Amino acid sequence: MLQFMNQFGIWIAVFFTFSIFSFLYKDNPFYKFAEQVFVGLSAGYWLVYMIYNILIPNLFSKLITDFRGNAILLVPGILGVLMLLRIFPKIQWISRFPLALVIGTTAGISIVRSLQTNILSQITSTMINPFASDSIAILIGNLLLIIGTICGVYFFYFSKKQEGISAIPSKVGIWFLMISFGASFGYTVMARISLLIGRLDFLLKDWLHLIK
């Protein structure tokens, strides 16, 4: 019975794999069906995950164990219930208040985190002595880092028209930006290729048993 269920699961996975790949030919009912199943399963999985890994341990369990000491948790609990009122058209306006609070809080936290991780850390990384190492490779890398950062930032300086000599750093910054964008795009492509390799490995190994 267990072996039959394993084989059945493999055939189901094969069906959905080919259904997704069928979009390479054109949009078709098999792809739409697989897409909807994936979205539905994802929504169901995250709903169960949030209940058993977030709500129960962080809200219900603490309120049952020590209600007085954790009474403050009723505030986010009530806000969460108010957010669910969006499913009722007549009183859906109430859900705007907890939603606005969540968006504002998230924006404030993201600003601080971005300043610390994306701005301050990058500024600190460029404040280096390029001649601190005897290695030619490290020296060239440090110089490219400093030049690329300065020229990349200078490219976004629009207070004065960039022409003549003043346009040279901007053009250098464009080259560094294009290289950076190309590297990011290449990383994205490699990530997608790794997913394709995983599916091909499943088809050739677990389904057809052509590789071990």
N, C-alpha and C. Protein backbone atom coordinates (compact mmCIF):
# COMPACT_ATOMS: atom_id res chain seq x y z
N MET A 1 0.82 -1.20 0.00
CA MET A 1 0.00 0.00 0.00
C MET A 1 0.86 1.26 0.00
N LEU A 2 1.92 1.24 0.81
CA LEU A 2 2.81 2.40 0.89
C LEU A 2 3.52 2.64 -0.43
N GLN A 3 3.94 1.52 -1.08
CA GLN A 3 4.61 1.66 -2.36
C GLN A 3 3.64 2.20 -3.42
N PHE A 4 2.39 1.76 -3.36
CA PHE A 4 1.39 2.26 -4.32
C PHE A 4 1.18 3.76 -4.13
N MET A 5 1.09 4.22 -2.88
CA MET A 5 0.89 5.64 -2.62
C MET A 5 2.09 6.45 -3.09
N ASN A 6 3.30 5.90 -2.91
CA ASN A 6 4.49 6.60 -3.40
C ASN A 6 4.46 6.74 -4.92
N GLN A 7 4.12 5.67 -5.60
CA GLN A 7 4.04 5.72 -7.06
C GLN A 7 2.92 6.66 -7.53
N PHE A 8 1.82 6.62 -6.81
CA PHE A 8 0.71 7.52 -7.15
C PHE A 8 1.12 8.98 -6.99
N GLY A 9 1.84 9.28 -5.91
CA GLY A 9 2.32 10.64 -5.69
C GLY A 9 3.30 11.07 -6.77
N ILE A 10 4.15 10.15 -7.21
CA ILE A 10 5.11 10.48 -8.28
C ILE A 10 4.37 10.81 -9.57
N TRP A 11 3.34 10.00 -9.92
CA TRP A 11 2.59 10.25 -11.14
C TRP A 11 1.82 11.57 -11.07
N ILE A 12 1.32 11.90 -9.89
CA ILE A 12 0.65 13.20 -9.72
C ILE A 12 1.65 14.33 -9.94
N ALA A 13 2.84 14.20 -9.38
CA ALA A 13 3.88 15.22 -9.55
C ALA A 13 4.29 15.34 -11.02
N VAL A 14 4.38 14.21 -11.70
CA VAL A 14 4.72 14.23 -13.13
C VAL A 14 3.65 14.95 -13.93
N PHE A 15 2.39 14.68 -13.61
CA PHE A 15 1.29 15.34 -14.33
C PHE A 15 1.35 16.85 -14.17
N PHE A 16 1.55 17.31 -12.94
CA PHE A 16 1.59 18.75 -12.72
C PHE A 16 2.86 19.38 -13.30
N THR A 17 3.96 18.63 -13.32
CA THR A 17 5.19 19.13 -13.93
C THR A 17 5.00 19.38 -15.41
N PHE A 18 4.44 18.40 -16.13
CA PHE A 18 4.19 18.57 -17.55
C PHE A 18 3.10 19.61 -17.81
N SER A 19 2.16 19.73 -16.90
CA SER A 19 1.12 20.75 -17.07
C SER A 19 1.72 22.15 -17.01
N ILE A 20 2.66 22.35 -16.09
CA ILE A 20 3.33 23.65 -16.01
C ILE A 20 4.21 23.89 -17.22
N PHE A 21 4.94 22.85 -17.65
CA PHE A 21 5.81 22.99 -18.82
C PHE A 21 5.01 23.21 -20.10
N SER A 22 3.74 22.81 -20.12
CA SER A 22 2.93 22.97 -21.33
C SER A 22 2.71 24.43 -21.69
N PHE A 23 2.93 25.34 -20.75
CA PHE A 23 2.80 26.77 -21.04
C PHE A 23 3.85 27.24 -22.03
N LEU A 24 4.96 26.49 -22.15
CA LEU A 24 5.98 26.84 -23.14
C LEU A 24 5.43 26.77 -24.55
N TYR A 25 4.42 25.94 -24.76
CA TYR A 25 3.78 25.86 -26.08
C TYR A 25 2.76 26.98 -26.23
N LYS A 26 1.78 27.01 -25.35
CA LYS A 26 0.80 28.09 -25.31
C LYS A 26 -0.05 27.92 -24.06
N ASP A 27 -0.80 28.94 -23.75
CA ASP A 27 -1.71 28.86 -22.60
C ASP A 27 -2.79 27.82 -22.89
N ASN A 28 -3.04 26.95 -21.89
CA ASN A 28 -3.97 25.84 -22.11
C ASN A 28 -4.64 25.48 -20.78
N PRO A 29 -5.71 24.68 -20.83
CA PRO A 29 -6.43 24.32 -19.59
C PRO A 29 -5.58 23.55 -18.59
N PHE A 30 -4.63 22.73 -19.06
CA PHE A 30 -3.79 21.98 -18.13
C PHE A 30 -2.93 22.91 -17.29
N TYR A 31 -2.36 23.92 -17.93
CA TYR A 31 -1.55 24.90 -17.18
C TYR A 31 -2.40 25.68 -16.20
N LYS A 32 -3.58 26.11 -16.63
CA LYS A 32 -4.46 26.87 -15.74
C LYS A 32 -4.88 26.03 -14.54
N PHE A 33 -5.16 24.75 -14.78
CA PHE A 33 -5.55 23.87 -13.68
C PHE A 33 -4.41 23.71 -12.69
N ALA A 34 -3.19 23.46 -13.19
CA ALA A 34 -2.04 23.31 -12.31
C ALA A 34 -1.75 24.60 -11.55
N GLU A 35 -1.92 25.73 -12.21
CA GLU A 35 -1.69 27.02 -11.57
C GLU A 35 -2.67 27.24 -10.42
N GLN A 36 -3.94 26.96 -10.67
CA GLN A 36 -4.96 27.16 -9.64
C GLN A 36 -4.75 26.21 -8.46
N VAL A 37 -4.38 24.97 -8.75
CA VAL A 37 -4.11 24.01 -7.67
C VAL A 37 -2.93 24.48 -6.83
N PHE A 38 -1.89 24.99 -7.48
CA PHE A 38 -0.72 25.48 -6.75
C PHE A 38 -1.09 26.67 -5.85
N VAL A 39 -1.86 27.59 -6.39
CA VAL A 39 -2.27 28.76 -5.59
C VAL A 39 -3.14 28.32 -4.41
N GLY A 40 -4.08 27.41 -4.67
CA GLY A 40 -4.95 26.95 -3.59
C GLY A 40 -4.20 26.21 -2.51
N LEU A 41 -3.30 25.31 -2.90
CA LEU A 41 -2.51 24.57 -1.92
C LEU A 41 -1.60 25.51 -1.12
N SER A 42 -1.03 26.50 -1.79
CA SER A 42 -0.16 27.46 -1.09
C SER A 42 -0.96 28.25 -0.05
N ALA A 43 -2.15 28.71 -0.45
CA ALA A 43 -2.99 29.46 0.49
C ALA A 43 -3.40 28.59 1.68
N GLY A 44 -3.79 27.34 1.40
CA GLY A 44 -4.16 26.45 2.49
C GLY A 44 -2.99 26.13 3.41
N TYR A 45 -1.82 25.92 2.82
CA TYR A 45 -0.64 25.60 3.63
C TYR A 45 -0.29 26.76 4.56
N TRP A 46 -0.25 27.99 4.00
CA TRP A 46 0.13 29.13 4.84
C TRP A 46 -0.94 29.44 5.87
N LEU A 47 -2.22 29.14 5.58
CA LEU A 47 -3.26 29.33 6.58
C LEU A 47 -3.04 28.41 7.77
N VAL A 48 -2.79 27.13 7.50
CA VAL A 48 -2.53 26.18 8.59
C VAL A 48 -1.24 26.53 9.32
N TYR A 49 -0.22 26.96 8.56
CA TYR A 49 1.06 27.33 9.18
C TYR A 49 0.88 28.50 10.13
N MET A 50 0.13 29.52 9.73
CA MET A 50 -0.07 30.69 10.57
C MET A 50 -0.87 30.34 11.82
N ILE A 51 -1.83 29.42 11.69
CA ILE A 51 -2.64 29.06 12.86
C ILE A 51 -1.80 28.31 13.89
N TYR A 52 -1.06 27.29 13.44
CA TYR A 52 -0.37 26.41 14.37
C TYR A 52 1.03 26.91 14.76
N ASN A 53 1.63 27.79 14.00
CA ASN A 53 2.98 28.26 14.30
C ASN A 53 3.05 29.73 14.72
N ILE A 54 1.94 30.46 14.54
CA ILE A 54 1.94 31.87 14.93
C ILE A 54 0.84 32.18 15.93
N LEU A 55 -0.42 31.91 15.55
CA LEU A 55 -1.53 32.27 16.43
C LEU A 55 -1.55 31.45 17.72
N ILE A 56 -1.48 30.14 17.59
CA ILE A 56 -1.59 29.30 18.79
C ILE A 56 -0.43 29.52 19.77
N PRO A 57 0.84 29.43 19.34
CA PRO A 57 1.92 29.62 20.34
C PRO A 57 2.10 31.05 20.81
N ASN A 58 1.82 32.04 19.96
CA ASN A 58 2.09 33.44 20.31
C ASN A 58 0.89 34.17 20.88
N LEU A 59 -0.31 33.64 20.71
CA LEU A 59 -1.49 34.33 21.21
C LEU A 59 -2.32 33.45 22.14
N PHE A 60 -2.91 32.40 21.61
CA PHE A 60 -3.86 31.60 22.40
C PHE A 60 -3.19 30.91 23.59
N SER A 61 -2.04 30.30 23.38
CA SER A 61 -1.35 29.58 24.46
C SER A 61 -0.95 30.52 25.58
N LYS A 62 -0.45 31.70 25.22
CA LYS A 62 -0.03 32.66 26.25
C LYS A 62 -1.21 33.23 27.01
N LEU A 63 -2.33 33.47 26.31
CA LEU A 63 -3.51 33.98 27.01
C LEU A 63 -4.10 32.94 27.94
N ILE A 64 -4.08 31.66 27.55
CA ILE A 64 -4.60 30.61 28.40
C ILE A 64 -3.70 30.39 29.61
N THR A 65 -2.38 30.45 29.39
CA THR A 65 -1.42 30.21 30.48
C THR A 65 -1.44 31.34 31.50
N ASP A 66 -1.34 32.58 31.04
CA ASP A 66 -1.30 33.74 31.93
C ASP A 66 -2.05 34.88 31.27
N PHE A 67 -3.34 34.96 31.54
CA PHE A 67 -4.16 35.97 30.86
C PHE A 67 -3.81 37.37 31.32
N ARG A 68 -3.64 37.57 32.61
CA ARG A 68 -3.35 38.91 33.11
C ARG A 68 -1.98 39.41 32.63
N GLY A 69 -1.01 38.55 32.66
CA GLY A 69 0.33 38.97 32.25
C GLY A 69 0.45 39.20 30.75
N ASN A 70 -0.40 38.57 29.97
CA ASN A 70 -0.34 38.70 28.51
C ASN A 70 -1.59 39.36 27.94
N ALA A 71 -2.30 40.14 28.76
CA ALA A 71 -3.53 40.78 28.29
C ALA A 71 -3.27 41.74 27.15
N ILE A 72 -2.05 42.28 27.06
CA ILE A 72 -1.72 43.21 25.99
C ILE A 72 -1.82 42.54 24.62
N LEU A 73 -1.73 41.21 24.60
CA LEU A 73 -1.82 40.48 23.33
C LEU A 73 -3.23 40.54 22.73
N LEU A 74 -4.20 40.96 23.53
CA LEU A 74 -5.55 41.11 22.99
C LEU A 74 -5.62 42.21 21.93
N VAL A 75 -4.72 43.20 22.05
CA VAL A 75 -4.72 44.31 21.08
C VAL A 75 -4.43 43.81 19.67
N PRO A 76 -3.30 43.12 19.44
CA PRO A 76 -3.09 42.60 18.07
C PRO A 76 -4.12 41.55 17.68
N GLY A 77 -4.64 40.79 18.66
CA GLY A 77 -5.66 39.82 18.33
C GLY A 77 -6.93 40.48 17.81
N ILE A 78 -7.36 41.56 18.49
CA ILE A 78 -8.56 42.28 18.04
C ILE A 78 -8.32 42.94 16.68
N LEU A 79 -7.12 43.50 16.50
CA LEU A 79 -6.80 44.12 15.20
C LEU A 79 -6.84 43.08 14.08
N GLY A 80 -6.38 41.87 14.38
CA GLY A 80 -6.44 40.81 13.37
C GLY A 80 -7.87 40.44 13.02
N VAL A 81 -8.74 40.40 14.03
CA VAL A 81 -10.15 40.10 13.78
C VAL A 81 -10.80 41.22 12.95
N LEU A 82 -10.45 42.48 13.28
CA LEU A 82 -11.00 43.60 12.53
C LEU A 82 -10.56 43.57 11.06
N MET A 83 -9.36 43.07 10.82
CA MET A 83 -8.88 43.00 9.44
C MET A 83 -9.68 42.00 8.62
N LEU A 84 -10.22 40.98 9.29
CA LEU A 84 -11.03 39.98 8.60
C LEU A 84 -12.41 40.50 8.21
N LEU A 85 -12.79 41.69 8.70
CA LEU A 85 -14.09 42.25 8.37
C LEU A 85 -14.19 42.70 6.92
N ARG A 86 -13.09 42.60 6.17
CA ARG A 86 -13.13 42.97 4.75
C ARG A 86 -14.05 42.06 3.94
N ILE A 87 -14.35 40.89 4.50
CA ILE A 87 -15.22 39.97 3.76
C ILE A 87 -16.69 40.37 3.87
N PHE A 88 -16.99 41.36 4.72
CA PHE A 88 -18.37 41.86 4.85
C PHE A 88 -18.45 43.25 4.22
N PRO A 89 -19.11 43.39 3.09
CA PRO A 89 -19.09 44.67 2.36
C PRO A 89 -19.57 45.87 3.17
N LYS A 90 -20.58 45.69 4.02
CA LYS A 90 -21.15 46.82 4.74
C LYS A 90 -20.22 47.39 5.80
N ILE A 91 -19.37 46.57 6.39
CA ILE A 91 -18.49 47.05 7.46
C ILE A 91 -17.02 46.85 7.12
N GLN A 92 -16.72 46.70 5.83
CA GLN A 92 -15.33 46.46 5.46
C GLN A 92 -14.45 47.68 5.71
N TRP A 93 -15.05 48.88 5.88
CA TRP A 93 -14.27 50.09 6.14
C TRP A 93 -13.53 49.99 7.47
N ILE A 94 -14.03 49.17 8.38
CA ILE A 94 -13.37 49.04 9.69
C ILE A 94 -11.99 48.42 9.53
N SER A 95 -11.83 47.55 8.54
CA SER A 95 -10.54 46.87 8.35
C SER A 95 -9.45 47.82 7.90
N ARG A 96 -9.81 49.04 7.48
CA ARG A 96 -8.78 49.99 7.03
C ARG A 96 -7.89 50.44 8.18
N PHE A 97 -8.43 50.50 9.39
CA PHE A 97 -7.65 50.98 10.54
C PHE A 97 -6.51 50.02 10.90
N PRO A 98 -6.77 48.72 11.11
CA PRO A 98 -5.64 47.83 11.39
C PRO A 98 -4.71 47.69 10.19
N LEU A 99 -5.26 47.76 8.97
CA LEU A 99 -4.40 47.67 7.79
C LEU A 99 -3.48 48.87 7.70
N ALA A 100 -4.00 50.07 8.00
CA ALA A 100 -3.15 51.27 7.99
C ALA A 100 -2.08 51.19 9.07
N LEU A 101 -2.43 50.63 10.23
CA LEU A 101 -1.45 50.49 11.31
C LEU A 101 -0.34 49.52 10.91
N VAL A 102 -0.71 48.43 10.27
CA VAL A 102 0.28 47.44 9.83
C VAL A 102 1.20 48.04 8.78
N ILE A 103 0.63 48.75 7.81
CA ILE A 103 1.43 49.35 6.74
C ILE A 103 2.37 50.42 7.30
N GLY A 104 1.86 51.26 8.18
CA GLY A 104 2.71 52.31 8.77
C GLY A 104 3.83 51.73 9.61
N THR A 105 3.51 50.74 10.44
CA THR A 105 4.55 50.11 11.27
C THR A 105 5.59 49.41 10.42
N THR A 106 5.13 48.68 9.41
CA THR A 106 6.07 47.98 8.52
C THR A 106 6.96 48.96 7.78
N ALA A 107 6.38 50.08 7.32
CA ALA A 107 7.18 51.09 6.61
C ALA A 107 8.24 51.69 7.53
N GLY A 108 7.86 51.99 8.78
CA GLY A 108 8.85 52.55 9.72
C GLY A 108 9.97 51.58 10.02
N ILE A 109 9.64 50.32 10.25
CA ILE A 109 10.67 49.31 10.53
C ILE A 109 11.56 49.10 9.30
N SER A 110 10.95 49.11 8.10
CA SER A 110 11.72 48.88 6.88
C SER A 110 12.68 50.03 6.62
N ILE A 111 12.27 51.25 6.94
CA ILE A 111 13.16 52.40 6.73
C ILE A 111 14.41 52.27 7.59
N VAL A 112 14.22 51.93 8.86
CA VAL A 112 15.37 51.78 9.76
C VAL A 112 16.25 50.63 9.31
N ARG A 113 15.64 49.50 8.95
CA ARG A 113 16.41 48.35 8.51
C ARG A 113 17.17 48.65 7.21
N SER A 114 16.52 49.37 6.29
CA SER A 114 17.19 49.71 5.03
C SER A 114 18.35 50.66 5.27
N LEU A 115 18.19 51.60 6.18
CA LEU A 115 19.29 52.51 6.49
C LEU A 115 20.48 51.76 7.05
N GLN A 116 20.20 50.78 7.90
CA GLN A 116 21.29 50.03 8.53
C GLN A 116 21.95 49.05 7.58
N THR A 117 21.17 48.38 6.75
CA THR A 117 21.71 47.31 5.92
C THR A 117 22.12 47.77 4.53
N ASN A 118 21.33 48.65 3.92
CA ASN A 118 21.59 49.03 2.53
C ASN A 118 22.38 50.32 2.36
N ILE A 119 22.35 51.19 3.35
CA ILE A 119 23.01 52.49 3.21
C ILE A 119 24.25 52.57 4.09
N LEU A 120 24.04 52.44 5.40
CA LEU A 120 25.18 52.60 6.32
C LEU A 120 26.23 51.51 6.10
N SER A 121 25.77 50.27 5.90
CA SER A 121 26.74 49.19 5.71
C SER A 121 27.50 49.35 4.40
N GLN A 122 26.83 49.83 3.35
CA GLN A 122 27.53 50.05 2.09
C GLN A 122 28.50 51.21 2.16
N ILE A 123 28.11 52.26 2.88
CA ILE A 123 29.04 53.37 3.07
C ILE A 123 30.26 52.92 3.85
N THR A 124 30.03 52.11 4.89
CA THR A 124 31.15 51.60 5.69
C THR A 124 32.05 50.71 4.84
N SER A 125 31.45 49.91 3.95
CA SER A 125 32.25 49.00 3.13
C SER A 125 33.15 49.74 2.14
N THR A 126 32.73 50.93 1.72
CA THR A 126 33.55 51.70 0.77
C THR A 126 34.59 52.57 1.45
N MET A 127 34.48 52.74 2.75
CA MET A 127 35.47 53.56 3.49
C MET A 127 36.65 52.67 3.89
N ILE A 128 37.43 52.29 2.88
CA ILE A 128 38.55 51.38 3.07
C ILE A 128 39.81 51.99 2.49
N ASN A 129 40.92 51.48 2.92
CA ASN A 129 42.20 51.88 2.36
C ASN A 129 42.55 50.92 1.23
N PRO A 130 42.52 51.39 -0.01
CA PRO A 130 42.75 50.46 -1.13
C PRO A 130 44.16 49.89 -1.16
N PHE A 131 45.09 50.55 -0.48
CA PHE A 131 46.50 50.11 -0.51
C PHE A 131 46.87 49.34 0.75
N ALA A 132 45.86 48.85 1.49
CA ALA A 132 46.14 48.15 2.74
C ALA A 132 46.71 46.76 2.51
N SER A 133 46.50 46.21 1.32
CA SER A 133 46.97 44.86 1.03
C SER A 133 48.05 44.90 -0.05
N ASP A 134 48.94 43.91 0.00
CA ASP A 134 50.00 43.80 -1.00
C ASP A 134 49.55 43.06 -2.25
N SER A 135 48.36 42.48 -2.23
CA SER A 135 47.86 41.73 -3.36
C SER A 135 47.34 42.67 -4.45
N ILE A 136 47.78 42.44 -5.69
CA ILE A 136 47.33 43.27 -6.80
C ILE A 136 45.84 43.09 -7.05
N ALA A 137 45.35 41.84 -6.91
CA ALA A 137 43.94 41.57 -7.15
C ALA A 137 43.05 42.31 -6.15
N ILE A 138 43.46 42.28 -4.86
CA ILE A 138 42.68 42.99 -3.83
C ILE A 138 42.74 44.49 -4.06
N LEU A 139 43.91 45.01 -4.47
CA LEU A 139 44.05 46.44 -4.75
C LEU A 139 43.12 46.87 -5.88
N ILE A 140 43.09 46.10 -6.96
CA ILE A 140 42.21 46.43 -8.09
C ILE A 140 40.75 46.35 -7.67
N GLY A 141 40.41 45.31 -6.89
CA GLY A 141 39.03 45.16 -6.43
C GLY A 141 38.60 46.33 -5.55
N ASN A 142 39.48 46.78 -4.65
CA ASN A 142 39.16 47.92 -3.78
C ASN A 142 38.98 49.21 -4.59
N LEU A 143 39.85 49.42 -5.57
CA LEU A 143 39.74 50.62 -6.40
C LEU A 143 38.45 50.60 -7.22
N LEU A 144 38.12 49.43 -7.79
CA LEU A 144 36.87 49.33 -8.54
C LEU A 144 35.66 49.56 -7.64
N LEU A 145 35.72 49.08 -6.41
CA LEU A 145 34.62 49.28 -5.46
C LEU A 145 34.42 50.76 -5.17
N ILE A 146 35.51 51.46 -4.91
CA ILE A 146 35.41 52.88 -4.58
C ILE A 146 34.96 53.68 -5.80
N ILE A 147 35.59 53.44 -6.94
CA ILE A 147 35.24 54.19 -8.16
C ILE A 147 33.79 53.89 -8.57
N GLY A 148 33.42 52.63 -8.54
CA GLY A 148 32.06 52.27 -8.93
C GLY A 148 31.01 52.88 -8.03
N THR A 149 31.27 52.92 -6.72
CA THR A 149 30.30 53.50 -5.79
C THR A 149 30.15 55.00 -6.02
N ILE A 150 31.28 55.71 -6.13
CA ILE A 150 31.23 57.17 -6.31
C ILE A 150 30.58 57.52 -7.65
N CYS A 151 31.00 56.86 -8.72
CA CYS A 151 30.44 57.18 -10.04
C CYS A 151 28.98 56.76 -10.15
N GLY A 152 28.61 55.65 -9.51
CA GLY A 152 27.21 55.23 -9.52
C GLY A 152 26.30 56.21 -8.81
N VAL A 153 26.76 56.75 -7.68
CA VAL A 153 25.98 57.76 -6.97
C VAL A 153 25.95 59.06 -7.75
N TYR A 154 27.08 59.40 -8.38
CA TYR A 154 27.15 60.65 -9.16
C TYR A 154 26.19 60.63 -10.35
N PHE A 155 25.91 59.46 -10.88
CA PHE A 155 25.00 59.36 -12.02
C PHE A 155 23.61 59.90 -11.67
N PHE A 156 23.21 59.78 -10.40
CA PHE A 156 21.89 60.23 -9.97
C PHE A 156 21.91 61.68 -9.45
N TYR A 157 22.97 62.39 -9.74
CA TYR A 157 23.04 63.81 -9.37
C TYR A 157 22.46 64.62 -10.53
N PHE A 158 21.26 65.13 -10.35
CA PHE A 158 20.55 65.83 -11.42
C PHE A 158 20.42 67.34 -11.16
N SER A 159 21.09 67.86 -10.16
CA SER A 159 20.96 69.29 -9.86
C SER A 159 21.69 70.17 -10.87
N LYS A 160 22.63 69.59 -11.61
CA LYS A 160 23.39 70.33 -12.61
C LYS A 160 23.54 69.48 -13.86
N LYS A 161 23.43 70.10 -15.01
CA LYS A 161 23.54 69.36 -16.26
C LYS A 161 24.92 68.74 -16.40
N GLN A 162 24.95 67.47 -16.69
CA GLN A 162 26.21 66.74 -16.80
C GLN A 162 26.68 66.78 -18.25
N GLU A 163 27.71 67.58 -18.50
CA GLU A 163 28.26 67.72 -19.84
C GLU A 163 29.75 67.99 -19.73
N GLY A 164 30.46 67.66 -20.78
CA GLY A 164 31.89 67.86 -20.79
C GLY A 164 32.61 66.91 -19.85
N ILE A 165 33.53 67.44 -19.07
CA ILE A 165 34.30 66.63 -18.13
C ILE A 165 33.40 66.08 -17.03
N SER A 166 32.41 66.86 -16.61
CA SER A 166 31.52 66.43 -15.53
C SER A 166 30.65 65.24 -15.92
N ALA A 167 30.56 64.95 -17.23
CA ALA A 167 29.75 63.81 -17.66
C ALA A 167 30.53 62.50 -17.65
N ILE A 168 31.86 62.56 -17.53
CA ILE A 168 32.68 61.34 -17.55
C ILE A 168 32.35 60.43 -16.37
N PRO A 169 32.34 60.93 -15.11
CA PRO A 169 31.97 60.03 -14.00
C PRO A 169 30.58 59.43 -14.16
N SER A 170 29.67 60.20 -14.75
CA SER A 170 28.32 59.67 -14.96
C SER A 170 28.32 58.51 -15.94
N LYS A 171 29.10 58.63 -17.01
CA LYS A 171 29.18 57.53 -17.99
C LYS A 171 29.85 56.30 -17.37
N VAL A 172 30.87 56.54 -16.54
CA VAL A 172 31.51 55.41 -15.84
C VAL A 172 30.51 54.75 -14.90
N GLY A 173 29.70 55.58 -14.22
CA GLY A 173 28.68 55.03 -13.33
C GLY A 173 27.66 54.20 -14.07
N ILE A 174 27.32 54.60 -15.32
CA ILE A 174 26.38 53.81 -16.13
C ILE A 174 26.94 52.43 -16.41
N TRP A 175 28.24 52.36 -16.72
CA TRP A 175 28.86 51.06 -16.98
C TRP A 175 28.79 50.16 -15.75
N PHE A 176 29.09 50.73 -14.60
CA PHE A 176 29.04 49.93 -13.37
C PHE A 176 27.61 49.49 -13.07
N LEU A 177 26.65 50.37 -13.30
CA LEU A 177 25.26 50.01 -13.06
C LEU A 177 24.79 48.92 -14.01
N MET A 178 25.17 49.01 -15.28
CA MET A 178 24.78 48.00 -16.25
C MET A 178 25.40 46.64 -15.90
N ILE A 179 26.65 46.65 -15.47
CA ILE A 179 27.30 45.40 -15.05
C ILE A 179 26.58 44.81 -13.84
N SER A 180 26.20 45.69 -12.90
CA SER A 180 25.49 45.22 -11.71
C SER A 180 24.13 44.64 -12.07
N PHE A 181 23.39 45.33 -12.95
CA PHE A 181 22.09 44.81 -13.38
C PHE A 181 22.24 43.50 -14.14
N GLY A 182 23.27 43.42 -14.96
CA GLY A 182 23.50 42.18 -15.71
C GLY A 182 23.82 41.02 -14.79
N ALA A 183 24.63 41.29 -13.76
CA ALA A 183 24.95 40.22 -12.80
C ALA A 183 23.70 39.78 -12.04
N SER A 184 22.84 40.74 -11.67
CA SER A 184 21.60 40.39 -10.97
C SER A 184 20.69 39.57 -11.87
N PHE A 185 20.60 39.97 -13.15
CA PHE A 185 19.77 39.21 -14.09
C PHE A 185 20.33 37.81 -14.30
N GLY A 186 21.66 37.71 -14.40
CA GLY A 186 22.27 36.39 -14.56
C GLY A 186 22.01 35.50 -13.36
N TYR A 187 22.04 36.09 -12.17
CA TYR A 187 21.73 35.31 -10.96
C TYR A 187 20.30 34.82 -10.99
N THR A 188 19.38 35.67 -11.46
CA THR A 188 17.97 35.26 -11.57
C THR A 188 17.82 34.11 -12.56
N VAL A 189 18.51 34.22 -13.71
CA VAL A 189 18.44 33.16 -14.71
C VAL A 189 18.99 31.85 -14.15
N MET A 190 20.11 31.92 -13.43
CA MET A 190 20.70 30.72 -12.85
C MET A 190 19.77 30.09 -11.82
N ALA A 191 19.04 30.93 -11.07
CA ALA A 191 18.07 30.40 -10.10
C ALA A 191 16.95 29.64 -10.80
N ARG A 192 16.49 30.20 -11.93
CA ARG A 192 15.44 29.50 -12.68
C ARG A 192 15.98 28.21 -13.30
N ILE A 193 17.21 28.24 -13.76
CA ILE A 193 17.81 27.03 -14.33
C ILE A 193 17.95 25.95 -13.27
N SER A 194 18.29 26.36 -12.05
CA SER A 194 18.40 25.37 -10.97
C SER A 194 17.05 24.71 -10.69
N LEU A 195 15.96 25.48 -10.80
CA LEU A 195 14.63 24.88 -10.64
C LEU A 195 14.34 23.90 -11.77
N LEU A 196 14.74 24.26 -13.00
CA LEU A 196 14.55 23.36 -14.13
C LEU A 196 15.35 22.08 -13.94
N ILE A 197 16.58 22.21 -13.48
CA ILE A 197 17.41 21.03 -13.25
C ILE A 197 16.77 20.12 -12.19
N GLY A 198 16.18 20.74 -11.16
CA GLY A 198 15.51 19.95 -10.14
C GLY A 198 14.34 19.15 -10.69
N ARG A 199 13.56 19.78 -11.58
CA ARG A 199 12.43 19.06 -12.19
C ARG A 199 12.91 17.95 -13.13
N LEU A 200 13.94 18.23 -13.92
CA LEU A 200 14.48 17.21 -14.82
C LEU A 200 15.08 16.05 -14.02
N ASP A 201 15.73 16.37 -12.92
CA ASP A 201 16.28 15.32 -12.07
C ASP A 201 15.17 14.44 -11.51
N PHE A 202 14.05 15.05 -11.14
CA PHE A 202 12.90 14.27 -10.65
C PHE A 202 12.35 13.36 -11.74
N LEU A 203 12.19 13.91 -12.97
CA LEU A 203 11.62 13.12 -14.05
C LEU A 203 12.53 11.96 -14.45
N LEU A 204 13.82 12.21 -14.54
CA LEU A 204 14.74 11.17 -15.01
C LEU A 204 15.13 10.19 -13.91
N LYS A 205 15.06 10.61 -12.65
CA LYS A 205 15.51 9.75 -11.56
C LYS A 205 14.34 9.05 -10.87
N ASP A 206 13.39 9.82 -10.37
CA ASP A 206 12.30 9.22 -9.60
C ASP A 206 11.21 8.62 -10.47
N TRP A 207 11.01 9.18 -11.68
CA TRP A 207 9.93 8.70 -12.54
C TRP A 207 10.41 7.65 -13.54
N LEU A 208 11.38 8.00 -14.36
CA LEU A 208 11.85 7.09 -15.41
C LEU A 208 13.00 6.18 -14.96
N HIS A 209 13.63 6.52 -13.85
CA HIS A 209 14.75 5.72 -13.31
C HIS A 209 15.87 5.55 -14.33
N LEU A 210 16.13 6.60 -15.12
CA LEU A 210 17.22 6.54 -16.09
C LEU A 210 18.57 6.90 -15.48
N ILE A 211 18.54 7.62 -14.36
CA ILE A 211 19.77 7.96 -13.65
C ILE A 211 19.63 7.52 -12.20
N LYS A 212 20.76 7.29 -11.56
CA LYS A 212 20.75 6.85 -10.18
C LYS A 212 21.37 7.93 -9.30
